[in-house]
Amino acid sequence: MHQVKGWHVWVTLAAIFFVSLNLRPSVTSVGPLLNTITDELNISSTQVSLLTSIPVFCMGLFAPLAVPFQKKLGYKWSINLLLVAIGLATAARIWFGSYTALIITSFIAGVAIAIISPLINAFIKARFPHKLAPVIGLYSLATGAGATISAGFTGVFFEQFNSWQIALGLWGALTIIAIVLWTFAASDKNKPVENTQEDGQVRKQKKNKTAWLILLFFGLQTSLFFSLTTWLSPIAQEQGFSLVTASAVLTTMSLVQIIGNLFIPMLINKFPSRVMWLYILLAIGSVGAGILFIDANWAMWTGAVILGISLAGLFPIGLMLPLDEAKNNGEASSWSSMVLAGGFMMSAIVPLLIGVVYDNIGTHLASKWIFIILFALQFVSVYMYQVNKRHV
């Protein structure tokens, strides 16, 4: 396998961070402005929730393209091309503010994110085979940071410019730094010498029960993440919070997630039982989701903090599981593509479902119950994975 050495490791880590930073803002920046966009464009909650569901569904549908992209263009040009697509699609929202334009830009960003995600996962497996947990932690930290800053500052940008289009479109500028760093970090002259063990027979993951159970867990935890990032702010607004304060609740959850992304992967590296950590994190998250039922401001803030702790560990473990099973880089890429593809397609459904339910009953009480159900289903999926591993 590849192994990054010397000072170039820091440039590579910085590149991974800034590329990953761009994998959420085009999606998560919409959440704080859902009510504003709904009012200004005169659309339903179901329609506006498509702005999150479409790119997330694309993240799944187009993830398998990562393998042919990598073979045809390599890591450097594949990811640079996709970063340009994310940047242009996001920035275009400044000038094109119709509902159709938002759907199109969401689709383009979703396709690009879909292909980048497994590419980065496989790149980490190739370049940092002996530091997998901490580098996956950095990847998770960066995606969480992207979600956090977009959730926190989109409302601020809206207040500053009095334009939801500018507030959404400004996030396209983030891709510039990522492109510069990635161009150097992934250049061929800095590519370490390949080890002959990198390539090998790739097991058919579609016939492997373990792969399907990992996909099920990943889909459920990403469903939870995108449901919370899309609807936690509107839930807080329903409880009486202002737009900026409701955005701050979502930002708080994301900040806790970022801090957790720093420490939880380190603890996982020291105590590597993935299943043990999953049970602990799911129990913590269930408590956080339960607290949201309490009709008090402190409960909204407390629930956001506890949910952030849970999300901080669930996502990186979800990324690690297919890499743990992979016997070589070919499997790392194909298994990651399958898990991310199926998982993200699953997670596109739940935020949309919440929008449909809200349109019909006019309250977010059902949304909170959906969060609880997602935690319960994750417990079941982890138990099934644990039982299956014992019999392999």
Protein backbone atom coordinates (compact mmCIF):
# COMPACT_ATOMS: atom_id res chain seq x y z
CA MET A 1 0.00 0.00 0.00
CA HIS A 2 1.03 3.62 -0.31
CA GLN A 3 2.48 5.31 2.73
CA VAL A 4 2.96 9.07 2.94
CA LYS A 5 6.29 10.04 4.49
CA GLY A 6 8.14 13.19 5.53
CA TRP A 7 6.82 16.73 5.51
CA HIS A 8 4.51 15.96 2.61
CA VAL A 9 2.24 14.15 5.08
CA TRP A 10 1.13 17.51 6.52
CA VAL A 11 0.27 18.89 3.10
CA THR A 12 -1.67 15.73 2.31
CA LEU A 13 -3.59 15.93 5.59
CA ALA A 14 -4.40 19.60 4.94
CA ALA A 15 -5.63 18.69 1.47
CA ILE A 16 -7.84 15.91 2.85
CA PHE A 17 -9.23 18.36 5.41
CA PHE A 18 -10.12 21.11 2.92
CA VAL A 19 -11.53 18.73 0.32
CA SER A 20 -13.72 17.12 3.00
CA LEU A 21 -14.75 20.56 4.27
CA ASN A 22 -16.58 21.05 0.95
CA LEU A 23 -18.69 17.89 1.20
CA ARG A 24 -21.55 19.33 3.28
CA PRO A 25 -22.14 23.13 2.94
CA SER A 26 -24.05 22.91 -0.36
CA VAL A 27 -26.52 20.64 1.46
CA THR A 28 -26.48 21.72 5.11
CA SER A 29 -26.58 25.47 4.41
CA VAL A 30 -30.20 25.04 3.27
CA GLY A 31 -31.47 23.88 6.68
CA PRO A 32 -31.36 27.22 8.56
CA LEU A 33 -33.20 28.94 5.68
CA LEU A 34 -35.89 26.32 5.03
CA ASN A 35 -38.70 28.51 6.36
CA THR A 36 -37.37 31.59 4.54
CA ILE A 37 -37.06 29.79 1.19
CA THR A 38 -40.49 28.20 1.65
CA ASP A 39 -42.08 31.62 2.19
CA GLU A 40 -40.22 33.51 -0.56
CA LEU A 41 -40.68 30.88 -3.26
CA ASN A 42 -44.19 29.94 -2.06
CA ILE A 43 -43.43 26.21 -1.97
CA SER A 44 -44.36 23.42 0.46
CA SER A 45 -42.18 21.84 3.14
CA THR A 46 -42.08 18.70 1.01
CA GLN A 47 -40.74 20.65 -1.95
CA VAL A 48 -38.10 22.49 0.05
CA SER A 49 -36.96 19.25 1.72
CA LEU A 50 -36.06 17.98 -1.76
CA LEU A 51 -33.19 20.48 -1.72
CA THR A 52 -31.61 18.21 0.89
CA SER A 53 -32.97 14.87 -0.28
CA ILE A 54 -31.91 15.19 -3.92
CA PRO A 55 -28.18 15.78 -3.30
CA VAL A 56 -28.15 13.10 -0.59
CA PHE A 57 -29.83 10.62 -2.97
CA CYS A 58 -27.27 11.56 -5.61
CA MET A 59 -24.50 10.87 -3.08
CA GLY A 60 -25.71 7.30 -3.13
CA LEU A 61 -26.78 6.84 -6.74
CA PHE A 62 -23.53 8.10 -8.25
CA ALA A 63 -21.02 6.82 -5.65
CA PRO A 64 -20.18 3.73 -7.78
CA LEU A 65 -18.71 6.10 -10.39
CA ALA A 66 -15.77 6.64 -8.01
CA VAL A 67 -14.05 3.46 -9.22
CA PRO A 68 -14.11 4.29 -12.98
CA PHE A 69 -13.25 7.94 -12.23
CA GLN A 70 -10.18 6.87 -10.24
CA LYS A 71 -9.06 4.42 -12.93
CA LYS A 72 -9.57 6.92 -15.76
CA LEU A 73 -8.36 10.19 -14.22
CA GLY A 74 -6.59 9.27 -10.99
CA TYR A 75 -7.12 10.88 -7.60
CA LYS A 76 -5.69 14.27 -8.56
CA TRP A 77 -7.79 15.18 -11.58
CA SER A 78 -10.94 13.34 -10.49
CA ILE A 79 -11.25 15.26 -7.24
CA ASN A 80 -10.17 18.59 -8.71
CA LEU A 81 -12.80 18.32 -11.45
CA LEU A 82 -15.47 17.44 -8.92
CA LEU A 83 -14.47 20.29 -6.61
CA VAL A 84 -14.90 22.72 -9.50
CA ALA A 85 -18.40 21.31 -10.07
CA ILE A 86 -19.31 21.80 -6.40
CA GLY A 87 -17.93 25.34 -6.37
CA LEU A 88 -19.71 26.46 -9.55
CA ALA A 89 -23.02 24.82 -8.65
CA THR A 90 -23.04 26.38 -5.18
CA ALA A 91 -21.94 29.84 -6.34
CA ALA A 92 -24.56 29.82 -9.11
CA ARG A 93 -27.26 30.16 -6.45
CA ILE A 94 -26.24 33.81 -6.04
CA TRP A 95 -27.54 34.61 -9.53
CA PHE A 96 -30.17 31.92 -10.08
CA GLY A 97 -32.73 31.79 -7.28
CA SER A 98 -35.69 29.94 -8.73
CA TYR A 99 -36.82 26.64 -7.25
CA THR A 100 -35.78 24.87 -10.48
CA ALA A 101 -32.30 26.40 -10.26
CA LEU A 102 -31.96 25.25 -6.66
CA ILE A 103 -32.94 21.70 -7.66
CA ILE A 104 -30.42 21.66 -10.53
CA THR A 105 -27.56 23.01 -8.41
CA SER A 106 -28.43 20.55 -5.65
CA PHE A 107 -28.27 17.71 -8.17
CA ILE A 108 -24.88 18.78 -9.57
CA ALA A 109 -23.38 19.21 -6.09
CA GLY A 110 -24.81 15.87 -5.01
CA VAL A 111 -23.26 14.02 -7.95
CA ALA A 112 -19.83 15.55 -7.31
CA ILE A 113 -19.97 14.83 -3.56
CA ALA A 114 -21.09 11.27 -4.33
CA ILE A 115 -17.95 10.51 -6.31
CA ILE A 116 -15.51 12.37 -4.06
CA SER A 117 -16.56 10.61 -0.84
CA PRO A 118 -15.45 7.05 -1.69
CA LEU A 119 -12.41 8.42 -3.52
CA ILE A 120 -11.23 10.15 -0.35
CA ASN A 121 -11.99 7.04 1.69
CA ALA A 122 -9.91 4.84 -0.63
CA PHE A 123 -7.16 7.49 -0.82
CA ILE A 124 -6.86 7.45 2.98
CA LYS A 125 -6.71 3.66 3.01
CA ALA A 126 -3.92 3.78 0.38
CA ARG A 127 -1.81 6.58 1.83
CA PHE A 128 -2.32 6.03 5.57
CA PRO A 129 -2.78 2.27 6.04
CA HIS A 130 -1.29 2.31 9.55
CA LYS A 131 -3.06 5.48 10.74
CA LEU A 132 -6.53 4.72 9.49
CA ALA A 133 -8.59 5.72 12.56
CA PRO A 134 -7.01 9.16 13.17
CA VAL A 135 -7.06 10.13 9.47
CA ILE A 136 -10.66 8.98 9.09
CA GLY A 137 -11.24 11.10 12.20
CA LEU A 138 -9.74 14.09 10.36
CA TYR A 139 -12.03 13.37 7.41
CA SER A 140 -15.04 13.25 9.76
CA LEU A 141 -13.84 16.38 11.54
CA ALA A 142 -13.68 18.26 8.25
CA THR A 143 -17.11 17.14 7.04
CA GLY A 144 -18.51 18.07 10.44
CA ALA A 145 -16.75 21.44 10.29
CA GLY A 146 -18.26 22.10 6.87
CA ALA A 147 -21.70 21.32 8.23
CA THR A 148 -21.08 23.45 11.31
CA ILE A 149 -19.86 26.61 9.66
CA SER A 150 -22.56 26.44 6.99
CA ALA A 151 -25.27 25.89 9.61
CA GLY A 152 -23.90 28.64 11.83
CA PHE A 153 -23.03 31.33 9.32
CA THR A 154 -25.73 30.95 6.67
CA GLY A 155 -28.21 32.66 8.99
CA VAL A 156 -25.62 35.36 9.74
CA PHE A 157 -24.99 35.90 6.00
CA PHE A 158 -28.74 36.17 5.46
CA GLU A 159 -29.03 38.82 8.16
CA GLN A 160 -26.00 40.66 6.75
CA PHE A 161 -26.94 40.66 3.04
CA ASN A 162 -30.71 40.26 3.39
CA SER A 163 -30.53 37.68 0.60
CA TRP A 164 -30.91 33.93 0.98
CA GLN A 165 -29.32 33.50 -2.46
CA ILE A 166 -26.06 35.16 -1.37
CA ALA A 167 -26.18 33.29 1.94
CA LEU A 168 -26.28 29.96 0.07
CA GLY A 169 -23.97 30.84 -2.81
CA LEU A 170 -21.03 32.17 -0.81
CA TRP A 171 -20.09 28.62 0.24
CA GLY A 172 -18.82 27.95 -3.27
CA ALA A 173 -15.67 29.94 -2.43
CA LEU A 174 -14.52 27.17 -0.07
CA THR A 175 -13.50 25.00 -3.01
CA ILE A 176 -10.66 27.33 -4.06
CA ILE A 177 -8.33 26.47 -1.16
CA ALA A 178 -9.16 22.77 -1.54
CA ILE A 179 -8.25 22.74 -5.23
CA VAL A 180 -4.87 24.41 -4.61
CA LEU A 181 -3.89 22.02 -1.82
CA TRP A 182 -5.19 18.90 -3.54
CA THR A 183 -3.34 19.72 -6.78
CA PHE A 184 -0.05 19.48 -4.91
CA ALA A 185 -0.88 16.72 -2.42
CA ALA A 186 -2.17 14.27 -5.03
CA SER A 187 0.36 15.08 -7.77
CA ASP A 188 2.13 12.12 -9.34
CA LYS A 189 5.61 13.32 -8.36
CA ASN A 190 4.59 13.08 -4.70
CA LYS A 191 2.96 9.69 -5.10
CA PRO A 192 4.72 7.08 -2.96
CA VAL A 193 5.95 3.90 -4.57
CA GLU A 194 3.29 1.24 -4.82
CA ASN A 195 3.52 -1.98 -2.93
CA THR A 196 2.64 -5.09 -4.88
CA GLN A 197 0.21 -6.03 -2.13
CA GLU A 198 -2.04 -3.14 -3.06
CA ASP A 199 -3.78 -5.05 -5.81
CA GLY A 200 -5.40 -8.37 -5.25
CA GLN A 201 -8.54 -10.33 -5.81
CA VAL A 202 -11.59 -8.25 -4.92
CA ARG A 203 -14.37 -10.17 -3.22
CA LYS A 204 -17.87 -9.60 -4.55
CA GLN A 205 -19.27 -7.32 -1.88
CA LYS A 206 -22.82 -7.62 -3.26
CA LYS A 207 -22.79 -11.30 -2.27
CA ASN A 208 -21.33 -10.62 1.15
CA LYS A 209 -23.79 -10.38 4.06
CA THR A 210 -21.35 -8.32 6.13
CA ALA A 211 -21.21 -5.66 3.42
CA TRP A 212 -25.01 -5.37 3.37
CA LEU A 213 -25.21 -5.05 7.15
CA ILE A 214 -22.57 -2.30 7.11
CA LEU A 215 -24.57 -0.57 4.37
CA LEU A 216 -27.74 -0.81 6.50
CA PHE A 217 -26.06 0.77 9.52
CA PHE A 218 -24.40 3.49 7.44
CA GLY A 219 -27.71 4.34 5.76
CA LEU A 220 -29.50 4.65 9.09
CA GLN A 221 -26.84 6.84 10.70
CA THR A 222 -26.61 9.15 7.68
CA SER A 223 -30.42 9.32 7.64
CA LEU A 224 -30.23 10.56 11.20
CA PHE A 225 -27.49 13.08 10.40
CA PHE A 226 -29.24 14.66 7.41
CA SER A 227 -32.61 14.63 9.15
CA LEU A 228 -31.15 16.52 12.09
CA THR A 229 -29.17 18.99 9.97
CA THR A 230 -32.24 19.66 7.82
CA TRP A 231 -34.98 19.84 10.46
CA LEU A 232 -33.45 20.61 13.87
CA SER A 233 -33.44 24.34 13.14
CA PRO A 234 -37.11 24.40 11.99
CA ILE A 235 -38.03 22.31 15.06
CA ALA A 236 -36.36 24.94 17.26
CA GLN A 237 -38.20 27.72 15.39
CA GLU A 238 -41.50 25.92 16.00
CA GLN A 239 -40.65 26.03 19.70
CA GLY A 240 -40.28 29.82 19.52
CA PHE A 241 -36.61 30.34 18.68
CA SER A 242 -35.66 33.08 16.21
CA LEU A 243 -33.98 32.10 12.92
CA VAL A 244 -30.52 33.07 14.19
CA THR A 245 -30.99 31.35 17.56
CA ALA A 246 -32.41 28.23 15.91
CA SER A 247 -29.36 28.20 13.63
CA ALA A 248 -27.21 28.45 16.74
CA VAL A 249 -28.84 25.30 18.12
CA LEU A 250 -27.85 23.43 14.96
CA THR A 251 -24.39 24.98 15.13
CA THR A 252 -24.02 23.82 18.74
CA MET A 253 -24.81 20.25 17.74
CA SER A 254 -22.30 20.47 14.91
CA LEU A 255 -19.60 22.04 17.11
CA VAL A 256 -19.93 19.24 19.65
CA GLN A 257 -19.68 16.81 16.75
CA ILE A 258 -16.45 18.46 15.59
CA ILE A 259 -14.90 18.28 19.05
CA GLY A 260 -15.96 14.65 19.26
CA ASN A 261 -14.41 13.99 15.86
CA LEU A 262 -11.07 15.03 17.37
CA PHE A 263 -11.19 12.75 20.40
CA ILE A 264 -13.49 9.80 19.70
CA PRO A 265 -11.36 8.36 16.82
CA MET A 266 -8.32 8.58 19.11
CA LEU A 267 -10.19 6.62 21.76
CA ILE A 268 -11.35 4.14 19.13
CA ASN A 269 -7.71 3.70 18.08
CA LYS A 270 -6.87 2.86 21.72
CA PHE A 271 -9.98 0.76 22.40
CA PRO A 272 -10.72 -0.62 18.93
CA SER A 273 -13.96 -2.56 19.54
CA ARG A 274 -16.23 -0.95 16.95
CA VAL A 275 -19.38 -2.69 18.23
CA MET A 276 -18.82 -1.57 21.83
CA TRP A 277 -18.47 2.04 20.71
CA LEU A 278 -21.57 1.81 18.53
CA TYR A 279 -23.73 0.60 21.42
CA ILE A 280 -22.41 3.37 23.71
CA LEU A 281 -22.90 6.12 21.13
CA LEU A 282 -26.38 4.92 20.18
CA ALA A 283 -27.43 4.85 23.84
CA ILE A 284 -26.14 8.43 24.28
CA GLY A 285 -27.93 9.60 21.14
CA SER A 286 -31.20 8.00 22.17
CA VAL A 287 -31.13 10.04 25.38
CA GLY A 288 -30.51 13.21 23.36
CA ALA A 289 -33.41 12.50 21.01
CA GLY A 290 -35.68 11.80 23.98
CA ILE A 291 -34.84 15.14 25.60
CA LEU A 292 -36.15 16.97 22.51
CA PHE A 293 -39.68 15.98 23.59
CA ILE A 294 -39.40 18.28 26.63
CA ASP A 295 -41.00 21.62 25.76
CA ALA A 296 -38.33 23.86 27.26
CA ASN A 297 -35.52 25.92 25.77
CA TRP A 298 -32.86 24.21 27.88
CA ALA A 299 -34.02 20.84 26.52
CA MET A 300 -33.45 21.94 22.92
CA TRP A 301 -29.88 23.03 23.71
CA THR A 302 -29.14 19.96 25.85
CA GLY A 303 -30.55 17.58 23.24
CA ALA A 304 -28.42 19.22 20.54
CA VAL A 305 -25.26 18.75 22.63
CA ILE A 306 -25.96 15.08 23.38
CA LEU A 307 -26.91 14.33 19.78
CA GLY A 308 -23.65 15.96 18.65
CA ILE A 309 -21.67 13.56 20.86
CA SER A 310 -23.44 10.59 19.30
CA LEU A 311 -23.01 11.77 15.70
CA ALA A 312 -19.31 12.46 16.33
CA GLY A 313 -18.60 8.75 16.61
CA LEU A 314 -21.25 7.12 14.43
CA PHE A 315 -20.08 8.64 11.15
CA PRO A 316 -16.34 7.82 11.40
CA ILE A 317 -17.10 4.27 12.55
CA GLY A 318 -19.46 3.93 9.59
CA LEU A 319 -16.56 4.91 7.32
CA MET A 320 -14.13 2.55 9.06
CA LEU A 321 -16.26 -0.59 8.90
CA PRO A 322 -15.88 -1.24 5.13
CA LEU A 323 -12.15 -0.40 5.36
CA ASP A 324 -11.76 -2.85 8.25
CA GLU A 325 -13.22 -5.58 6.06
CA ALA A 326 -11.17 -4.67 2.95
CA LYS A 327 -8.17 -6.88 2.22
CA ASN A 328 -6.62 -4.53 -0.37
CA ASN A 329 -7.13 -1.14 -2.01
CA GLY A 330 -9.42 -2.58 -4.66
CA GLU A 331 -11.77 -3.83 -1.98
CA ALA A 332 -11.45 -0.59 -0.02
CA SER A 333 -12.69 1.36 -3.03
CA SER A 334 -15.44 -1.05 -4.10
CA TRP A 335 -16.77 -1.76 -0.59
CA SER A 336 -16.73 1.95 0.32
CA SER A 337 -18.55 2.78 -2.93
CA MET A 338 -21.25 0.20 -2.22
CA VAL A 339 -21.74 1.27 1.41
CA LEU A 340 -21.81 4.98 0.60
CA ALA A 341 -24.04 4.41 -2.43
CA GLY A 342 -26.72 2.42 -0.63
CA GLY A 343 -26.36 4.35 2.60
CA PHE A 344 -26.81 7.80 1.07
CA MET A 345 -29.75 6.67 -1.07
CA MET A 346 -31.41 5.42 2.10
CA SER A 347 -30.70 8.66 3.91
CA ALA A 348 -32.34 10.75 1.18
CA ILE A 349 -35.73 9.30 2.08
CA VAL A 350 -36.08 10.28 5.75
CA PRO A 351 -35.64 14.10 5.51
CA LEU A 352 -38.20 14.07 2.69
CA LEU A 353 -40.53 11.89 4.78
CA ILE A 354 -40.31 14.39 7.63
CA GLY A 355 -41.31 17.17 5.23
CA VAL A 356 -44.30 15.16 3.96
CA VAL A 357 -45.45 14.33 7.50
CA TYR A 358 -45.07 17.95 8.62
CA ASP A 359 -47.13 19.19 5.65
CA ASN A 360 -49.93 16.83 6.68
CA ILE A 361 -50.01 17.27 10.47
CA GLY A 362 -48.48 20.74 10.91
CA THR A 363 -46.25 19.85 13.87
CA HIS A 364 -42.77 18.44 14.36
CA LEU A 365 -43.80 16.01 17.10
CA ALA A 366 -43.68 13.21 14.52
CA SER A 367 -40.20 14.36 13.47
CA LYS A 368 -38.93 13.71 16.99
CA TRP A 369 -40.45 10.22 16.95
CA ILE A 370 -38.70 9.54 13.64
CA PHE A 371 -35.37 10.37 15.33
CA ILE A 372 -36.15 7.82 18.05
CA ILE A 373 -37.07 5.17 15.48
CA LEU A 374 -33.80 5.75 13.62
CA PHE A 375 -31.82 5.09 16.81
CA ALA A 376 -33.83 1.92 17.50
CA LEU A 377 -33.18 0.62 13.97
CA GLN A 378 -29.47 1.34 14.34
CA PHE A 379 -29.38 -0.77 17.51
CA VAL A 380 -30.94 -3.62 15.53
CA SER A 381 -28.49 -3.24 12.62
CA VAL A 382 -25.45 -3.25 14.94
CA TYR A 383 -26.74 -6.35 16.74
CA MET A 384 -27.22 -8.12 13.40
CA TYR A 385 -23.70 -7.12 12.34
CA GLN A 386 -22.29 -8.41 15.65
CA VAL A 387 -24.08 -11.77 15.31
CA ASN A 388 -22.99 -12.13 11.69
CA LYS A 389 -19.31 -11.47 12.58
CA ARG A 390 -19.44 -14.27 15.15
CA HIS A 391 -20.50 -16.75 12.49
CA VAL A 392 -18.08 -15.70 9.76
